[in-house]
């Protein structure tokens, strides 16, 4: 089953290593589509997605898409304060594997 068709519960039932693999597959797929990358292009996980050409507007759209797929709220601060696919991957794996993390969001607001 592709990650886009998995439920949050199905993600949570996976062992952590497998969860990370599935989540990486989901994120890479979403970022590649948004950045209009073809299959031959590699998506670097450690470079800011803004440096790769992603705009704030597109990132907000992607956030909504991911929230819909995962049925999970993603704190906007995470996307802007940790702007790499790898860091977002780490956050989402933590959020999915620990429901209390998902409920509170990733990075507390400093306001």
PDB file of N, CA and C in Angstrom:
ATOM      1  N   UNK A   1       0.855  -1.180   0.000  1.00  0.00           N
ATOM      2  CA  UNK A   1       0.000   0.000   0.000  1.00  0.00           C
ATOM      3  C   UNK A   1       0.898   1.239   0.000  1.00  0.00           C
ATOM      4  N   UNK A   2       0.594   2.200  -0.849  1.00  0.00           N
ATOM      5  CA  UNK A   2       1.408   3.408  -0.901  1.00  0.00           C
ATOM      6  C   UNK A   2       1.106   4.280   0.315  1.00  0.00           C
ATOM      7  N   UNK A   3       2.095   5.064   0.778  1.00  0.00           N
ATOM      8  CA  UNK A   3       1.893   5.904   1.959  1.00  0.00           C
ATOM      9  C   UNK A   3       0.720   6.869   1.829  1.00  0.00           C
ATOM     10  N   UNK A   4       0.415   7.319   0.606  1.00  0.00           N
ATOM     11  CA  UNK A   4      -0.688   8.252   0.410  1.00  0.00           C
ATOM     12  C   UNK A   4      -2.033   7.634   0.773  1.00  0.00           C
ATOM     13  N   UNK A   5      -2.099   6.301   0.791  1.00  0.00           N
ATOM     14  CA  UNK A   5      -3.357   5.614   1.056  1.00  0.00           C
ATOM     15  C   UNK A   5      -3.407   4.963   2.434  1.00  0.00           C
ATOM     16  N   UNK A   6      -2.406   5.211   3.253  1.00  0.00           N
ATOM     17  CA  UNK A   6      -2.391   4.646   4.597  1.00  0.00           C
ATOM     18  C   UNK A   6      -3.111   5.579   5.561  1.00  0.00           C
ATOM     19  N   UNK A   7      -3.718   4.998   6.575  1.00  0.00           N
ATOM     20  CA  UNK A   7      -4.352   5.805   7.616  1.00  0.00           C
ATOM     21  C   UNK A   7      -3.333   6.095   8.704  1.00  0.00           C
ATOM     22  N   UNK A   8      -3.645   7.072   9.537  1.00  0.00           N
ATOM     23  CA  UNK A   8      -2.765   7.404  10.652  1.00  0.00           C
ATOM     24  C   UNK A   8      -2.551   6.173  11.529  1.00  0.00           C
ATOM     25  N   UNK A   9      -3.599   5.419  11.775  1.00  0.00           N
ATOM     26  CA  UNK A   9      -3.481   4.213  12.604  1.00  0.00           C
ATOM     27  C   UNK A   9      -2.537   3.203  11.961  1.00  0.00           C
ATOM     28  N   UNK A  10      -2.610   3.044  10.648  1.00  0.00           N
ATOM     29  CA  UNK A  10      -1.707   2.116   9.959  1.00  0.00           C
ATOM     30  C   UNK A  10      -0.261   2.582  10.079  1.00  0.00           C
ATOM     31  N   UNK A  11      -0.031   3.882   9.972  1.00  0.00           N
ATOM     32  CA  UNK A  11       1.322   4.407  10.174  1.00  0.00           C
ATOM     33  C   UNK A  11       1.788   4.102  11.593  1.00  0.00           C
ATOM     34  N   UNK A  12       0.924   4.325  12.575  1.00  0.00           N
ATOM     35  CA  UNK A  12       1.300   4.134  13.985  1.00  0.00           C
ATOM     36  C   UNK A  12       1.601   2.682  14.317  1.00  0.00           C
ATOM     37  N   UNK A  13       1.042   1.753  13.579  1.00  0.00           N
ATOM     38  CA  UNK A  13       1.266   0.335  13.844  1.00  0.00           C
ATOM     39  C   UNK A  13       2.597  -0.164  13.280  1.00  0.00           C
ATOM     40  N   UNK A  14       3.244   0.628  12.461  1.00  0.00           N
ATOM     41  CA  UNK A  14       4.516   0.216  11.865  1.00  0.00           C
ATOM     42  C   UNK A  14       5.654   0.331  12.875  1.00  0.00           C
ATOM     43  N   UNK A  15       6.646  -0.575  12.780  1.00  0.00           N
ATOM     44  CA  UNK A  15       7.868  -0.381  13.569  1.00  0.00           C
ATOM     45  C   UNK A  15       8.511   0.948  13.147  1.00  0.00           C
ATOM     46  N   UNK A  16       9.221   1.591  14.052  1.00  0.00           N
ATOM     47  CA  UNK A  16       9.751   2.934  13.803  1.00  0.00           C
ATOM     48  C   UNK A  16      10.584   3.014  12.515  1.00  0.00           C
ATOM     49  N   UNK A  17      11.437   2.033  12.267  1.00  0.00           N
ATOM     50  CA  UNK A  17      12.279   2.074  11.058  1.00  0.00           C
ATOM     51  C   UNK A  17      11.423   2.016   9.794  1.00  0.00           C
ATOM     52  N   UNK A  18      10.407   1.176   9.812  1.00  0.00           N
ATOM     53  CA  UNK A  18       9.517   1.068   8.656  1.00  0.00           C
ATOM     54  C   UNK A  18       8.667   2.330   8.511  1.00  0.00           C
ATOM     55  N   UNK A  19       8.244   2.887   9.642  1.00  0.00           N
ATOM     56  CA  UNK A  19       7.498   4.152   9.628  1.00  0.00           C
ATOM     57  C   UNK A  19       8.335   5.241   8.970  1.00  0.00           C
ATOM     58  N   UNK A  20       9.613   5.316   9.337  1.00  0.00           N
ATOM     59  CA  UNK A  20      10.500   6.332   8.759  1.00  0.00           C
ATOM     60  C   UNK A  20      10.631   6.144   7.248  1.00  0.00           C
ATOM     61  N   UNK A  21      10.731   4.900   6.799  1.00  0.00           N
ATOM     62  CA  UNK A  21      10.838   4.629   5.356  1.00  0.00           C
ATOM     63  C   UNK A  21       9.574   5.052   4.616  1.00  0.00           C
ATOM     64  N   UNK A  22       8.423   4.684   5.160  1.00  0.00           N
ATOM     65  CA  UNK A  22       7.151   5.041   4.522  1.00  0.00           C
ATOM     66  C   UNK A  22       6.946   6.554   4.512  1.00  0.00           C
ATOM     67  N   UNK A  23       7.292   7.200   5.621  1.00  0.00           N
ATOM     68  CA  UNK A  23       7.125   8.647   5.721  1.00  0.00           C
ATOM     69  C   UNK A  23       8.079   9.360   4.752  1.00  0.00           C
ATOM     70  N   UNK A  24       9.299   8.848   4.625  1.00  0.00           N
ATOM     71  CA  UNK A  24      10.241   9.439   3.669  1.00  0.00           C
ATOM     72  C   UNK A  24       9.702   9.300   2.249  1.00  0.00           C
ATOM     73  N   UNK A  25       9.162   8.147   1.936  1.00  0.00           N
ATOM     74  CA  UNK A  25       8.587   7.934   0.606  1.00  0.00           C
ATOM     75  C   UNK A  25       7.454   8.930   0.346  1.00  0.00           C
ATOM     76  N   UNK A  26       6.606   9.133   1.336  1.00  0.00           N
ATOM     77  CA  UNK A  26       5.500  10.082   1.210  1.00  0.00           C
ATOM     78  C   UNK A  26       6.019  11.501   1.008  1.00  0.00           C
ATOM     79  N   UNK A  27       6.964  11.934   1.851  1.00  0.00           N
ATOM     80  CA  UNK A  27       7.479  13.300   1.746  1.00  0.00           C
ATOM     81  C   UNK A  27       8.208  13.534   0.430  1.00  0.00           C
ATOM     82  N   UNK A  28       9.046  12.601   0.045  1.00  0.00           N
ATOM     83  CA  UNK A  28       9.789  12.755  -1.208  1.00  0.00           C
ATOM     84  C   UNK A  28       8.815  12.859  -2.372  1.00  0.00           C
ATOM     85  N   UNK A  29       7.802  12.033  -2.377  1.00  0.00           N
ATOM     86  CA  UNK A  29       6.791  12.081  -3.435  1.00  0.00           C
ATOM     87  C   UNK A  29       6.099  13.443  -3.478  1.00  0.00           C
ATOM     88  N   UNK A  30       5.695  13.941  -2.324  1.00  0.00           N
ATOM     89  CA  UNK A  30       4.992  15.227  -2.259  1.00  0.00           C
ATOM     90  C   UNK A  30       5.903  16.387  -2.666  1.00  0.00           C
ATOM     91  N   UNK A  31       7.127  16.404  -2.159  1.00  0.00           N
ATOM     92  CA  UNK A  31       8.051  17.491  -2.502  1.00  0.00           C
ATOM     93  C   UNK A  31       8.428  17.446  -3.974  1.00  0.00           C
ATOM     94  N   UNK A  32       8.680  16.261  -4.512  1.00  0.00           N
ATOM     95  CA  UNK A  32       9.051  16.154  -5.927  1.00  0.00           C
ATOM     96  C   UNK A  32       7.927  16.653  -6.820  1.00  0.00           C
ATOM     97  N   UNK A  33       6.699  16.307  -6.473  1.00  0.00           N
ATOM     98  CA  UNK A  33       5.556  16.764  -7.270  1.00  0.00           C
ATOM     99  C   UNK A  33       5.411  18.278  -7.180  1.00  0.00           C
ATOM    100  N   UNK A  34       5.549  18.819  -5.990  1.00  0.00           N
ATOM    101  CA  UNK A  34       5.394  20.263  -5.799  1.00  0.00           C
ATOM    102  C   UNK A  34       6.510  21.038  -6.486  1.00  0.00           C
ATOM    103  N   UNK A  35       7.722  20.493  -6.446  1.00  0.00           N
ATOM    104  CA  UNK A  35       8.872  21.163  -7.066  1.00  0.00           C
ATOM    105  C   UNK A  35       9.010  20.833  -8.557  1.00  0.00           C
ATOM    106  N   UNK A  36       8.059  20.074  -9.093  1.00  0.00           N
ATOM    107  CA  UNK A  36       8.053  19.685 -10.512  1.00  0.00           C
ATOM    108  C   UNK A  36       9.334  18.960 -10.911  1.00  0.00           C
ATOM    109  N   UNK A  37       9.805  18.078 -10.034  1.00  0.00           N
ATOM    110  CA  UNK A  37      11.010  17.299 -10.299  1.00  0.00           C
ATOM    111  C   UNK A  37      10.619  16.017 -11.027  1.00  0.00           C
ATOM    112  N   UNK A  38      11.466  15.583 -11.960  1.00  0.00           N
ATOM    113  CA  UNK A  38      11.179  14.311 -12.619  1.00  0.00           C
ATOM    114  C   UNK A  38      11.848  13.172 -11.850  1.00  0.00           C
ATOM    115  N   UNK A  39      11.577  11.952 -12.268  1.00  0.00           N
ATOM    116  CA  UNK A  39      12.064  10.778 -11.551  1.00  0.00           C
ATOM    117  C   UNK A  39      13.587  10.667 -11.541  1.00  0.00           C
ATOM    118  N   UNK A  40      14.250  11.274 -12.504  1.00  0.00           N
ATOM    119  CA  UNK A  40      15.702  11.190 -12.580  1.00  0.00           C
ATOM    120  C   UNK A  40      16.393  12.126 -11.589  1.00  0.00           C
ATOM    121  N   UNK A  41      15.678  13.129 -11.114  1.00  0.00           N
ATOM    122  CA  UNK A  41      16.267  14.094 -10.191  1.00  0.00           C
ATOM    123  C   UNK A  41      16.169  13.598  -8.753  1.00  0.00           C
ATOM    124  N   UNK A  42      17.273  13.759  -8.030  1.00  0.00           N
ATOM    125  CA  UNK A  42      17.303  13.351  -6.632  1.00  0.00           C
ATOM    126  C   UNK A  42      16.892  14.530  -5.751  1.00  0.00           C
ATOM    127  N   UNK A  43      16.056  14.267  -4.769  1.00  0.00           N
ATOM    128  CA  UNK A  43      15.635  15.292  -3.818  1.00  0.00           C
ATOM    129  C   UNK A  43      16.560  15.225  -2.610  1.00  0.00           C
ATOM    130  N   UNK A  44      17.401  16.250  -2.402  1.00  0.00           N
ATOM    131  CA  UNK A  44      18.277  16.239  -1.230  1.00  0.00           C
ATOM    132  C   UNK A  44      17.462  16.462   0.048  1.00  0.00           C
ATOM    133  N   UNK A  45      17.724  15.648   1.063  1.00  0.00           N
ATOM    134  CA  UNK A  45      16.973  15.750   2.310  1.00  0.00           C
ATOM    135  C   UNK A  45      17.549  16.777   3.270  1.00  0.00           C
ATOM    136  N   UNK A  46      18.779  17.232   3.005  1.00  0.00           N
ATOM    137  CA  UNK A  46      19.449  18.118   3.951  1.00  0.00           C
ATOM    138  C   UNK A  46      19.641  19.550   3.448  1.00  0.00           C
ATOM    139  N   UNK A  47      18.997  19.904   2.361  1.00  0.00           N
ATOM    140  CA  UNK A  47      19.072  21.268   1.826  1.00  0.00           C
ATOM    141  C   UNK A  47      17.719  21.927   2.031  1.00  0.00           C
ATOM    142  N   UNK A  48      17.739  23.186   2.414  1.00  0.00           N
ATOM    143  CA  UNK A  48      16.491  23.916   2.645  1.00  0.00           C
ATOM    144  C   UNK A  48      15.591  23.816   1.422  1.00  0.00           C
ATOM    145  N   UNK A  49      14.317  23.491   1.674  1.00  0.00           N
ATOM    146  CA  UNK A  49      13.412  23.409   0.528  1.00  0.00           C
ATOM    147  C   UNK A  49      13.172  24.765  -0.106  1.00  0.00           C
ATOM    148  N   UNK A  50      13.473  25.832   0.601  1.00  0.00           N
ATOM    149  CA  UNK A  50      13.390  27.162  -0.008  1.00  0.00           C
ATOM    150  C   UNK A  50      14.528  27.337  -1.016  1.00  0.00           C
ATOM    151  N   UNK A  51      15.703  26.788  -0.701  1.00  0.00           N
ATOM    152  CA  UNK A  51      16.822  26.822  -1.644  1.00  0.00           C
ATOM    153  C   UNK A  51      16.549  25.954  -2.877  1.00  0.00           C
ATOM    154  N   UNK A  52      15.675  24.985  -2.728  1.00  0.00           N
ATOM    155  CA  UNK A  52      15.304  24.119  -3.855  1.00  0.00           C
ATOM    156  C   UNK A  52      14.231  24.745  -4.732  1.00  0.00           C
ATOM    157  N   UNK A  53      13.685  25.886  -4.287  1.00  0.00           N
ATOM    158  CA  UNK A  53      12.700  26.593  -5.101  1.00  0.00           C
ATOM    159  C   UNK A  53      11.285  26.594  -4.557  1.00  0.00           C
ATOM    160  N   UNK A  54      11.083  26.020  -3.385  1.00  0.00           N
ATOM    161  CA  UNK A  54       9.740  26.003  -2.805  1.00  0.00           C
ATOM    162  C   UNK A  54       9.407  27.376  -2.231  1.00  0.00           C
ATOM    163  N   UNK A  55       8.202  27.844  -2.476  1.00  0.00           N
ATOM    164  CA  UNK A  55       7.752  29.133  -1.945  1.00  0.00           C
ATOM    165  C   UNK A  55       6.923  28.902  -0.682  1.00  0.00           C
ATOM    166  N   UNK A  56       6.723  29.965   0.081  1.00  0.00           N
ATOM    167  CA  UNK A  56       5.902  29.884   1.291  1.00  0.00           C
ATOM    168  C   UNK A  56       4.486  29.440   0.959  1.00  0.00           C
ATOM    169  N   UNK A  57       3.952  29.941  -0.131  1.00  0.00           N
ATOM    170  CA  UNK A  57       2.596  29.574  -0.539  1.00  0.00           C
ATOM    171  C   UNK A  57       2.505  28.082  -0.862  1.00  0.00           C
ATOM    172  N   UNK A  58       3.450  27.587  -1.638  1.00  0.00           N
ATOM    173  CA  UNK A  58       3.455  26.165  -1.985  1.00  0.00           C
ATOM    174  C   UNK A  58       3.667  25.298  -0.742  1.00  0.00           C
ATOM    175  N   UNK A  59       4.497  25.783   0.185  1.00  0.00           N
ATOM    176  CA  UNK A  59       4.733  25.037   1.413  1.00  0.00           C
ATOM    177  C   UNK A  59       3.457  24.950   2.249  1.00  0.00           C
ATOM    178  N   UNK A  60       2.702  26.030   2.295  1.00  0.00           N
ATOM    179  CA  UNK A  60       1.428  26.031   3.017  1.00  0.00           C
ATOM    180  C   UNK A  60       0.452  25.053   2.372  1.00  0.00           C
ATOM    181  N   UNK A  61       0.420  25.025   1.049  1.00  0.00           N
ATOM    182  CA  UNK A  61      -0.436  24.067   0.345  1.00  0.00           C
ATOM    183  C   UNK A  61      -0.003  22.631   0.646  1.00  0.00           C
ATOM    184  N   UNK A  62       1.302  22.401   0.654  1.00  0.00           N
ATOM    185  CA  UNK A  62       1.809  21.069   0.940  1.00  0.00           C
ATOM    186  C   UNK A  62       1.464  20.663   2.376  1.00  0.00           C
ATOM    187  N   UNK A  63       1.545  21.611   3.288  1.00  0.00           N
ATOM    188  CA  UNK A  63       1.178  21.333   4.682  1.00  0.00           C
ATOM    189  C   UNK A  63      -0.263  20.829   4.753  1.00  0.00           C
ATOM    190  N   UNK A  64      -1.161  21.513   4.072  1.00  0.00           N
ATOM    191  CA  UNK A  64      -2.570  21.092   4.068  1.00  0.00           C
ATOM    192  C   UNK A  64      -2.730  19.696   3.461  1.00  0.00           C
ATOM    193  N   UNK A  65      -2.009  19.441   2.398  1.00  0.00           N
ATOM    194  CA  UNK A  65      -2.070  18.122   1.760  1.00  0.00           C
ATOM    195  C   UNK A  65      -1.588  17.039   2.716  1.00  0.00           C
ATOM    196  N   UNK A  66      -0.444  17.276   3.353  1.00  0.00           N
ATOM    197  CA  UNK A  66       0.096  16.292   4.295  1.00  0.00           C
ATOM    198  C   UNK A  66      -0.832  16.097   5.489  1.00  0.00           C
ATOM    199  N   UNK A  67      -1.407  17.187   5.979  1.00  0.00           N
ATOM    200  CA  UNK A  67      -2.347  17.071   7.097  1.00  0.00           C
ATOM    201  C   UNK A  67      -3.553  16.225   6.695  1.00  0.00           C
ATOM    202  N   UNK A  68      -4.007  16.387   5.467  1.00  0.00           N
ATOM    203  CA  UNK A  68      -5.129  15.590   4.980  1.00  0.00           C
ATOM    204  C   UNK A  68      -4.774  14.119   4.835  1.00  0.00           C
ATOM    205  N   UNK A  69      -3.597  13.840   4.306  1.00  0.00           N
ATOM    206  CA  UNK A  69      -3.159  12.454   4.129  1.00  0.00           C
ATOM    207  C   UNK A  69      -2.956  11.777   5.481  1.00  0.00           C
ATOM    208  N   UNK A  70      -2.294  12.497   6.398  1.00  0.00           N
ATOM    209  CA  UNK A  70      -1.921  11.902   7.680  1.00  0.00           C
ATOM    210  C   UNK A  70      -2.978  12.056   8.764  1.00  0.00           C
ATOM    211  N   UNK A  71      -3.979  12.913   8.515  1.00  0.00           N
ATOM    212  CA  UNK A  71      -4.984  13.211   9.533  1.00  0.00           C
ATOM    213  C   UNK A  71      -4.295  13.662  10.816  1.00  0.00           C
ATOM    214  N   UNK A  72      -3.371  14.602  10.638  1.00  0.00           N
ATOM    215  CA  UNK A  72      -2.502  15.050  11.711  1.00  0.00           C
ATOM    216  C   UNK A  72      -2.221  16.529  11.514  1.00  0.00           C
ATOM    217  N   UNK A  73      -2.295  17.307  12.572  1.00  0.00           N
ATOM    218  CA  UNK A  73      -1.991  18.730  12.478  1.00  0.00           C
ATOM    219  C   UNK A  73      -0.477  18.932  12.484  1.00  0.00           C
ATOM    220  N   UNK A  74       0.015  19.738  11.555  1.00  0.00           N
ATOM    221  CA  UNK A  74       1.445  20.030  11.468  1.00  0.00           C
ATOM    222  C   UNK A  74       1.649  21.489  11.841  1.00  0.00           C
ATOM    223  N   UNK A  75       2.407  21.722  12.883  1.00  0.00           N
ATOM    224  CA  UNK A  75       2.700  23.065  13.352  1.00  0.00           C
ATOM    225  C   UNK A  75       3.472  23.818  12.258  1.00  0.00           C
ATOM    226  N   UNK A  76       2.963  24.963  11.844  1.00  0.00           N
ATOM    227  CA  UNK A  76       3.605  25.744  10.777  1.00  0.00           C
ATOM    228  C   UNK A  76       5.025  26.149  11.146  1.00  0.00           C
ATOM    229  N   UNK A  77       5.293  26.339  12.433  1.00  0.00           N
ATOM    230  CA  UNK A  77       6.649  26.698  12.857  1.00  0.00           C
ATOM    231  C   UNK A  77       7.665  25.648  12.433  1.00  0.00           C
ATOM    232  N   UNK A  78       7.263  24.396  12.443  1.00  0.00           N
ATOM    233  CA  UNK A  78       8.161  23.312  12.042  1.00  0.00           C
ATOM    234  C   UNK A  78       8.617  23.510  10.607  1.00  0.00           C
ATOM    235  N   UNK A  79       7.688  23.855   9.750  1.00  0.00           N
ATOM    236  CA  UNK A  79       7.999  24.000   8.329  1.00  0.00           C
ATOM    237  C   UNK A  79       8.959  25.147   8.051  1.00  0.00           C
ATOM    238  N   UNK A  80       8.856  26.198   8.829  1.00  0.00           N
ATOM    239  CA  UNK A  80       9.682  27.377   8.568  1.00  0.00           C
ATOM    240  C   UNK A  80      10.949  27.415   9.416  1.00  0.00           C
ATOM    241  N   UNK A  81      10.927  26.827  10.603  1.00  0.00           N
ATOM    242  CA  UNK A  81      12.103  26.848  11.476  1.00  0.00           C
ATOM    243  C   UNK A  81      13.063  25.708  11.188  1.00  0.00           C
ATOM    244  N   UNK A  82      12.582  24.655  10.605  1.00  0.00           N
ATOM    245  CA  UNK A  82      13.389  23.468  10.286  1.00  0.00           C
ATOM    246  C   UNK A  82      13.184  23.132   8.807  1.00  0.00           C
ATOM    247  N   UNK A  83      13.626  24.015   7.896  1.00  0.00           N
ATOM    248  CA  UNK A  83      13.197  23.906   6.490  1.00  0.00           C
ATOM    249  C   UNK A  83      13.956  22.907   5.616  1.00  0.00           C
ATOM    250  N   UNK A  84      14.097  21.679   6.096  1.00  0.00           N
ATOM    251  CA  UNK A  84      14.630  20.641   5.214  1.00  0.00           C
ATOM    252  C   UNK A  84      13.690  19.445   5.257  1.00  0.00           C
ATOM    253  N   UNK A  85      13.716  18.663   4.216  1.00  0.00           N
ATOM    254  CA  UNK A  85      12.874  17.474   4.164  1.00  0.00           C
ATOM    255  C   UNK A  85      13.271  16.513   5.288  1.00  0.00           C
ATOM    256  N   UNK A  86      14.560  16.399   5.544  1.00  0.00           N
ATOM    257  CA  UNK A  86      15.040  15.504   6.595  1.00  0.00           C
ATOM    258  C   UNK A  86      14.525  15.881   7.971  1.00  0.00           C
ATOM    259  N   UNK A  87      14.546  17.160   8.281  1.00  0.00           N
ATOM    260  CA  UNK A  87      14.049  17.602   9.591  1.00  0.00           C
ATOM    261  C   UNK A  87      12.538  17.447   9.692  1.00  0.00           C
ATOM    262  N   UNK A  88      11.836  17.727   8.609  1.00  0.00           N
ATOM    263  CA  UNK A  88      10.392  17.520   8.598  1.00  0.00           C
ATOM    264  C   UNK A  88      10.087  16.030   8.756  1.00  0.00           C
ATOM    265  N   UNK A  89      10.871  15.196   8.119  1.00  0.00           N
ATOM    266  CA  UNK A  89      10.713  13.751   8.248  1.00  0.00           C
ATOM    267  C   UNK A  89      10.865  13.325   9.706  1.00  0.00           C
ATOM    268  N   UNK A  90      11.913  13.806  10.373  1.00  0.00           N
ATOM    269  CA  UNK A  90      12.127  13.473  11.784  1.00  0.00           C
ATOM    270  C   UNK A  90      10.939  13.900  12.631  1.00  0.00           C
ATOM    271  N   UNK A  91      10.450  15.109  12.395  1.00  0.00           N
ATOM    272  CA  UNK A  91       9.298  15.614  13.143  1.00  0.00           C
ATOM    273  C   UNK A  91       8.070  14.735  12.934  1.00  0.00           C
ATOM    274  N   UNK A  92       7.779  14.402  11.679  1.00  0.00           N
ATOM    275  CA  UNK A  92       6.576  13.627  11.389  1.00  0.00           C
ATOM    276  C   UNK A  92       6.660  12.210  11.946  1.00  0.00           C
ATOM    277  N   UNK A  93       7.833  11.603  11.891  1.00  0.00           N
ATOM    278  CA  UNK A  93       7.995  10.268  12.477  1.00  0.00           C
ATOM    279  C   UNK A  93       7.734  10.341  13.978  1.00  0.00           C
ATOM    280  N   UNK A  94       8.282  11.361  14.644  1.00  0.00           N
ATOM    281  CA  UNK A  94       8.025  11.539  16.082  1.00  0.00           C
ATOM    282  C   UNK A  94       6.547  11.793  16.347  1.00  0.00           C
ATOM    283  N   UNK A  95       5.928  12.636  15.541  1.00  0.00           N
ATOM    284  CA  UNK A  95       4.521  12.997  15.744  1.00  0.00           C
ATOM    285  C   UNK A  95       3.600  11.800  15.550  1.00  0.00           C
ATOM    286  N   UNK A  96       3.897  10.976  14.568  1.00  0.00           N
ATOM    287  CA  UNK A  96       3.046   9.816  14.300  1.00  0.00           C
ATOM    288  C   UNK A  96       3.278   8.718  15.337  1.00  0.00           C
ATOM    289  N   UNK A  97       4.522   8.511  15.731  1.00  0.00           N
ATOM    290  CA  UNK A  97       4.811   7.426  16.672  1.00  0.00           C
ATOM    291  C   UNK A  97       4.434   7.778  18.106  1.00  0.00           C
ATOM    292  N   UNK A  98       4.313   9.075  18.420  1.00  0.00           N
ATOM    293  CA  UNK A  98       3.933   9.513  19.767  1.00  0.00           C
ATOM    294  C   UNK A  98       2.726  10.437  19.656  1.00  0.00           C
ATOM    295  N   UNK A  99       1.514   9.916  19.866  1.00  0.00           N
ATOM    296  CA  UNK A  99       0.300  10.731  19.706  1.00  0.00           C
ATOM    297  C   UNK A  99       0.290  12.001  20.555  1.00  0.00           C
ATOM    298  N   UNK A 100       0.934  11.989  21.722  1.00  0.00           N
ATOM    299  CA  UNK A 100       0.949  13.205  22.545  1.00  0.00           C
ATOM    300  C   UNK A 100       1.764  14.299  21.866  1.00  0.00           C
ATOM    301  N   UNK A 101       2.783  13.915  21.124  1.00  0.00           N
ATOM    302  CA  UNK A 101       3.593  14.874  20.359  1.00  0.00           C
ATOM    303  C   UNK A 101       2.745  15.512  19.267  1.00  0.00           C
ATOM    304  N   UNK A 102       1.942  14.715  18.622  1.00  0.00           N
ATOM    305  CA  UNK A 102       1.083  15.213  17.545  1.00  0.00           C
ATOM    306  C   UNK A 102       0.032  16.168  18.086  1.00  0.00           C
ATOM    307  N   UNK A 103      -0.459  15.907  19.270  1.00  0.00           N
ATOM    308  CA  UNK A 103      -1.495  16.761  19.846  1.00  0.00           C
ATOM    309  C   UNK A 103      -0.955  18.140  20.204  1.00  0.00           C
ATOM    310  N   UNK A 104       0.275  18.188  20.662  1.00  0.00           N
ATOM    311  CA  UNK A 104       0.826  19.458  21.123  1.00  0.00           C
ATOM    312  C   UNK A 104       1.530  20.233  20.029  1.00  0.00           C
ATOM    313  N   UNK A 105       1.837  19.621  18.924  1.00  0.00           N
ATOM    314  CA  UNK A 105       2.595  20.296  17.875  1.00  0.00           C
ATOM    315  C   UNK A 105       4.070  20.091  18.117  1.00  0.00           C
ATOM    316  N   UNK A 106       4.883  20.549  17.213  1.00  0.00           N
ATOM    317  CA  UNK A 106       6.300  20.253  17.294  1.00  0.00           C
ATOM    318  C   UNK A 106       7.091  21.258  18.088  1.00  0.00           C
ATOM    319  N   UNK A 107       6.975  22.489  17.741  1.00  0.00           N
ATOM    320  CA  UNK A 107       7.783  23.529  18.352  1.00  0.00           C
ATOM    321  C   UNK A 107       6.855  24.486  19.069  1.00  0.00           C
ATOM    322  N   UNK A 108       7.012  24.643  20.376  1.00  0.00           N
ATOM    323  CA  UNK A 108       6.130  25.568  21.087  1.00  0.00           C
ATOM    324  C   UNK A 108       6.276  26.985  20.555  1.00  0.00           C
ATOM    325  N   UNK A 109       5.188  27.689  20.490  1.00  0.00           N
ATOM    326  CA  UNK A 109       5.207  29.072  20.029  1.00  0.00           C
ATOM    327  C   UNK A 109       5.929  29.934  21.045  1.00  0.00           C
ATOM    328  N   UNK A 110       6.697  30.893  20.562  1.00  0.00           N
ATOM    329  CA  UNK A 110       7.418  31.788  21.466  1.00  0.00           C
ATOM    330  C   UNK A 110       6.658  33.080  21.682  1.00  0.00           C
ATOM    331  N   UNK A 111       5.452  33.183  21.143  1.00  0.00           N
ATOM    332  CA  UNK A 111       4.639  34.399  21.296  1.00  0.00           C
ATOM    333  C   UNK A 111       3.980  34.442  22.643  1.00  0.00           C
TER     334      UNK A 111
END
